[in-house]
N, C-alpha and C. Protein backbone atom coordinates (compact mmCIF):
# COMPACT_ATOMS: atom_id res chain seq x y z
N MET A 1 0.83 -1.19 0.00
CA MET A 1 0.00 0.00 0.00
C MET A 1 0.87 1.25 0.00
N MET A 2 0.40 2.27 -0.67
CA MET A 2 1.16 3.50 -0.82
C MET A 2 1.11 4.34 0.45
N GLN A 3 2.24 5.01 0.71
CA GLN A 3 2.31 5.92 1.84
C GLN A 3 1.49 7.17 1.52
N LYS A 4 0.82 7.73 2.54
CA LYS A 4 0.01 8.93 2.35
C LYS A 4 0.87 10.08 1.83
N LEU A 5 0.27 10.89 0.95
CA LEU A 5 0.96 12.06 0.43
C LEU A 5 1.00 13.16 1.48
N THR A 6 2.12 13.88 1.53
CA THR A 6 2.21 15.03 2.41
C THR A 6 1.46 16.19 1.77
N ALA A 7 1.20 17.23 2.54
CA ALA A 7 0.51 18.41 2.00
C ALA A 7 1.33 19.04 0.88
N ARG A 8 2.63 19.05 1.03
CA ARG A 8 3.50 19.64 0.01
C ARG A 8 3.46 18.82 -1.29
N GLN A 9 3.49 17.50 -1.16
CA GLN A 9 3.41 16.64 -2.34
C GLN A 9 2.07 16.80 -3.04
N LYS A 10 1.00 16.86 -2.25
CA LYS A 10 -0.33 17.02 -2.82
C LYS A 10 -0.44 18.35 -3.56
N SER A 11 0.12 19.39 -2.99
CA SER A 11 0.11 20.71 -3.62
C SER A 11 0.86 20.67 -4.96
N HIS A 12 2.00 19.98 -4.97
CA HIS A 12 2.78 19.85 -6.20
C HIS A 12 1.97 19.10 -7.27
N LEU A 13 1.30 18.03 -6.87
CA LEU A 13 0.49 17.25 -7.81
C LEU A 13 -0.69 18.06 -8.34
N LYS A 14 -1.32 18.86 -7.47
CA LYS A 14 -2.43 19.71 -7.91
C LYS A 14 -1.97 20.67 -8.99
N SER A 15 -0.77 21.22 -8.83
CA SER A 15 -0.26 22.15 -9.84
C SER A 15 -0.02 21.43 -11.17
N LEU A 16 0.37 20.17 -11.11
CA LEU A 16 0.57 19.38 -12.34
C LEU A 16 -0.75 19.01 -13.00
N CYS A 17 -1.82 18.93 -12.23
CA CYS A 17 -3.14 18.52 -12.75
C CYS A 17 -3.74 19.54 -13.70
N HIS A 18 -3.39 20.81 -13.55
CA HIS A 18 -4.02 21.86 -14.35
C HIS A 18 -3.92 21.60 -15.84
N SER A 19 -2.78 21.10 -16.29
CA SER A 19 -2.58 20.91 -17.72
C SER A 19 -3.07 19.56 -18.23
N LEU A 20 -3.52 18.70 -17.35
CA LEU A 20 -3.96 17.36 -17.77
C LEU A 20 -5.36 17.38 -18.37
N LYS A 21 -5.54 16.50 -19.33
CA LYS A 21 -6.87 16.23 -19.89
C LYS A 21 -7.34 14.90 -19.32
N PRO A 22 -8.65 14.70 -19.18
CA PRO A 22 -9.13 13.41 -18.67
C PRO A 22 -8.72 12.27 -19.59
N VAL A 23 -8.16 11.21 -19.00
CA VAL A 23 -7.74 10.05 -19.79
C VAL A 23 -8.79 8.94 -19.76
N VAL A 24 -9.69 9.00 -18.80
CA VAL A 24 -10.77 8.02 -18.68
C VAL A 24 -12.05 8.79 -18.39
N ILE A 25 -13.14 8.35 -19.02
CA ILE A 25 -14.44 8.95 -18.77
C ILE A 25 -15.37 7.86 -18.24
N VAL A 26 -15.94 8.10 -17.06
CA VAL A 26 -16.89 7.16 -16.47
C VAL A 26 -18.28 7.67 -16.85
N GLY A 27 -18.99 6.88 -17.65
CA GLY A 27 -20.30 7.31 -18.16
C GLY A 27 -21.46 6.71 -17.40
N GLN A 28 -22.56 6.57 -18.11
CA GLN A 28 -23.82 6.11 -17.53
C GLN A 28 -23.74 4.70 -16.94
N LYS A 29 -22.89 3.86 -17.52
CA LYS A 29 -22.82 2.48 -17.06
C LYS A 29 -21.97 2.32 -15.80
N GLY A 30 -21.33 3.39 -15.37
CA GLY A 30 -20.60 3.37 -14.11
C GLY A 30 -19.23 2.72 -14.18
N LEU A 31 -18.77 2.25 -13.03
CA LEU A 31 -17.44 1.66 -12.90
C LEU A 31 -17.47 0.17 -13.21
N GLN A 32 -17.45 -0.15 -14.46
CA GLN A 32 -17.40 -1.55 -14.85
C GLN A 32 -15.94 -2.00 -14.88
N GLU A 33 -15.72 -3.30 -14.97
CA GLU A 33 -14.36 -3.85 -14.94
C GLU A 33 -13.48 -3.27 -16.04
N ASN A 34 -14.02 -3.08 -17.25
CA ASN A 34 -13.20 -2.54 -18.33
C ASN A 34 -12.77 -1.11 -18.05
N VAL A 35 -13.61 -0.33 -17.38
CA VAL A 35 -13.25 1.05 -17.01
C VAL A 35 -12.16 1.02 -15.94
N LEU A 36 -12.30 0.15 -14.95
CA LEU A 36 -11.28 0.02 -13.91
C LEU A 36 -9.96 -0.46 -14.49
N ASN A 37 -10.01 -1.34 -15.49
CA ASN A 37 -8.78 -1.80 -16.15
C ASN A 37 -8.08 -0.64 -16.85
N GLU A 38 -8.85 0.21 -17.51
CA GLU A 38 -8.27 1.39 -18.18
C GLU A 38 -7.64 2.34 -17.17
N ILE A 39 -8.30 2.51 -16.02
CA ILE A 39 -7.75 3.37 -14.97
C ILE A 39 -6.44 2.79 -14.46
N GLU A 40 -6.40 1.47 -14.25
CA GLU A 40 -5.17 0.80 -13.81
C GLU A 40 -4.04 1.03 -14.80
N LEU A 41 -4.32 0.84 -16.08
CA LEU A 41 -3.30 1.04 -17.11
C LEU A 41 -2.80 2.48 -17.14
N ALA A 42 -3.73 3.42 -17.05
CA ALA A 42 -3.36 4.83 -17.07
C ALA A 42 -2.50 5.19 -15.86
N LEU A 43 -2.86 4.69 -14.68
CA LEU A 43 -2.07 4.95 -13.48
C LEU A 43 -0.67 4.34 -13.60
N ASP A 44 -0.58 3.13 -14.14
CA ASP A 44 0.73 2.49 -14.32
C ASP A 44 1.62 3.32 -15.24
N HIS A 45 1.03 3.86 -16.27
CA HIS A 45 1.81 4.59 -17.26
C HIS A 45 2.10 6.03 -16.87
N HIS A 46 1.11 6.74 -16.33
CA HIS A 46 1.24 8.17 -16.07
C HIS A 46 1.44 8.55 -14.60
N GLU A 47 1.04 7.72 -13.69
CA GLU A 47 1.03 7.97 -12.24
C GLU A 47 -0.03 8.97 -11.81
N LEU A 48 -0.13 10.08 -12.50
CA LEU A 48 -1.11 11.13 -12.17
C LEU A 48 -2.09 11.22 -13.32
N ILE A 49 -3.37 10.98 -13.03
CA ILE A 49 -4.38 11.02 -14.09
C ILE A 49 -5.59 11.82 -13.65
N LYS A 50 -6.32 12.27 -14.66
CA LYS A 50 -7.57 12.98 -14.43
C LYS A 50 -8.68 12.14 -15.04
N ILE A 51 -9.78 11.99 -14.31
CA ILE A 51 -10.92 11.19 -14.75
C ILE A 51 -12.16 12.06 -14.75
N LYS A 52 -12.94 11.97 -15.82
CA LYS A 52 -14.22 12.68 -15.89
C LYS A 52 -15.32 11.73 -15.43
N LEU A 53 -16.11 12.21 -14.48
CA LEU A 53 -17.17 11.38 -13.90
C LEU A 53 -18.53 11.98 -14.24
N GLY A 54 -19.25 11.33 -15.15
CA GLY A 54 -20.56 11.83 -15.57
C GLY A 54 -21.67 11.25 -14.72
N ALA A 55 -21.92 11.87 -13.57
CA ALA A 55 -22.97 11.39 -12.67
C ALA A 55 -23.34 12.50 -11.71
N ASP A 56 -24.37 12.25 -10.90
CA ASP A 56 -24.76 13.25 -9.89
C ASP A 56 -23.72 13.27 -8.76
N ARG A 57 -23.81 14.25 -7.90
CA ARG A 57 -22.80 14.50 -6.86
C ARG A 57 -22.56 13.29 -5.95
N GLU A 58 -23.62 12.68 -5.46
CA GLU A 58 -23.47 11.54 -4.55
C GLU A 58 -22.84 10.34 -5.26
N THR A 59 -23.24 10.11 -6.49
CA THR A 59 -22.67 9.00 -7.26
C THR A 59 -21.20 9.26 -7.55
N ARG A 60 -20.85 10.52 -7.87
CA ARG A 60 -19.44 10.87 -8.10
C ARG A 60 -18.60 10.59 -6.86
N LYS A 61 -19.11 10.97 -5.69
CA LYS A 61 -18.39 10.70 -4.43
C LYS A 61 -18.14 9.21 -4.27
N GLN A 62 -19.15 8.41 -4.58
CA GLN A 62 -19.01 6.96 -4.47
C GLN A 62 -18.00 6.42 -5.48
N PHE A 63 -18.06 6.93 -6.73
CA PHE A 63 -17.09 6.52 -7.75
C PHE A 63 -15.66 6.84 -7.29
N ILE A 64 -15.46 8.04 -6.76
CA ILE A 64 -14.12 8.46 -6.31
C ILE A 64 -13.62 7.54 -5.21
N SER A 65 -14.47 7.23 -4.28
CA SER A 65 -14.12 6.33 -3.18
C SER A 65 -13.79 4.94 -3.71
N ASP A 66 -14.61 4.44 -4.61
CA ASP A 66 -14.41 3.10 -5.18
C ASP A 66 -13.12 3.03 -5.99
N ILE A 67 -12.84 4.05 -6.79
CA ILE A 67 -11.62 4.06 -7.60
C ILE A 67 -10.40 4.03 -6.69
N GLY A 68 -10.41 4.86 -5.66
CA GLY A 68 -9.29 4.88 -4.73
C GLY A 68 -9.08 3.54 -4.04
N ALA A 69 -10.17 2.94 -3.59
CA ALA A 69 -10.09 1.67 -2.87
C ALA A 69 -9.65 0.52 -3.78
N ARG A 70 -10.17 0.49 -4.99
CA ARG A 70 -9.90 -0.65 -5.87
C ARG A 70 -8.57 -0.56 -6.61
N THR A 71 -8.02 0.67 -6.75
CA THR A 71 -6.76 0.82 -7.48
C THR A 71 -5.57 1.11 -6.56
N GLY A 72 -5.85 1.51 -5.33
CA GLY A 72 -4.76 1.89 -4.43
C GLY A 72 -4.25 3.29 -4.70
N ALA A 73 -4.98 4.05 -5.50
CA ALA A 73 -4.57 5.41 -5.84
C ALA A 73 -5.14 6.39 -4.81
N GLU A 74 -4.44 7.50 -4.66
CA GLU A 74 -4.90 8.53 -3.74
C GLU A 74 -5.54 9.68 -4.52
N VAL A 75 -6.63 10.20 -4.01
CA VAL A 75 -7.31 11.33 -4.64
C VAL A 75 -6.46 12.58 -4.40
N VAL A 76 -6.11 13.25 -5.48
CA VAL A 76 -5.34 14.49 -5.37
C VAL A 76 -6.30 15.66 -5.23
N GLN A 77 -7.31 15.69 -6.10
CA GLN A 77 -8.33 16.73 -6.01
C GLN A 77 -9.57 16.30 -6.77
N SER A 78 -10.68 16.91 -6.41
CA SER A 78 -11.93 16.66 -7.08
C SER A 78 -12.62 18.00 -7.28
N ILE A 79 -12.83 18.36 -8.54
CA ILE A 79 -13.48 19.63 -8.87
C ILE A 79 -14.58 19.34 -9.89
N GLY A 80 -15.81 19.63 -9.50
CA GLY A 80 -16.93 19.40 -10.42
C GLY A 80 -17.02 17.95 -10.83
N GLN A 81 -17.00 17.71 -12.14
CA GLN A 81 -17.12 16.35 -12.65
C GLN A 81 -15.79 15.69 -12.95
N THR A 82 -14.68 16.28 -12.49
CA THR A 82 -13.39 15.65 -12.70
C THR A 82 -12.70 15.39 -11.37
N ALA A 83 -11.96 14.31 -11.34
CA ALA A 83 -11.18 13.96 -10.16
C ALA A 83 -9.80 13.51 -10.64
N SER A 84 -8.79 13.86 -9.87
CA SER A 84 -7.42 13.48 -10.19
C SER A 84 -6.91 12.49 -9.16
N PHE A 85 -6.19 11.48 -9.65
CA PHE A 85 -5.67 10.41 -8.80
C PHE A 85 -4.18 10.24 -9.04
N TYR A 86 -3.48 9.84 -7.98
CA TYR A 86 -2.04 9.57 -8.08
C TYR A 86 -1.73 8.23 -7.45
N ARG A 87 -0.92 7.45 -8.17
CA ARG A 87 -0.39 6.20 -7.64
C ARG A 87 1.02 6.06 -8.19
N ARG A 88 1.97 6.00 -7.28
CA ARG A 88 3.38 5.93 -7.68
C ARG A 88 3.67 4.59 -8.35
N ASN A 89 4.39 4.65 -9.44
CA ASN A 89 4.84 3.46 -10.13
C ASN A 89 6.17 3.07 -9.50
N SER A 90 6.18 1.99 -8.73
CA SER A 90 7.37 1.61 -7.97
C SER A 90 8.53 1.16 -8.86
N GLU A 91 8.25 0.67 -10.05
CA GLU A 91 9.30 0.20 -10.94
C GLU A 91 9.99 1.33 -11.69
N ALA A 92 9.22 2.31 -12.14
CA ALA A 92 9.80 3.41 -12.92
C ALA A 92 9.01 4.69 -12.63
N PRO A 93 9.30 5.35 -11.50
CA PRO A 93 8.56 6.57 -11.16
C PRO A 93 8.67 7.64 -12.25
N VAL A 94 7.56 8.28 -12.55
CA VAL A 94 7.51 9.31 -13.57
C VAL A 94 7.63 10.69 -12.93
N ILE A 95 6.95 10.89 -11.83
CA ILE A 95 6.89 12.20 -11.18
C ILE A 95 7.91 12.27 -10.07
N ARG A 96 8.69 13.35 -10.09
CA ARG A 96 9.67 13.62 -9.03
C ARG A 96 9.15 14.76 -8.17
N PHE A 97 9.26 14.61 -6.88
CA PHE A 97 8.81 15.66 -5.96
C PHE A 97 9.98 16.56 -5.60
N PRO A 98 9.70 17.86 -5.47
CA PRO A 98 10.79 18.80 -5.10
C PRO A 98 11.26 18.59 -3.67
């Protein structure tokens, strides 16, 4: 399991999120296995990803919680219908912290 991000690390990741485009879109059918597989692949490759969640507020909260629990990724931020997640790639880290 990943160690919790410090406030400074989270702040650094939030600044990196601004330029990201959503790599996965969760639609009407919700978090199906194929969507979770795509999230896993994106996290392995990019470490920091943005996901667009097309649902009402309560459902989005549940999706965010489920994604974090099932992938081991930490929520960096959630704004409107997008949420950003980070999971360090232990074999070949992409993001370096200051």
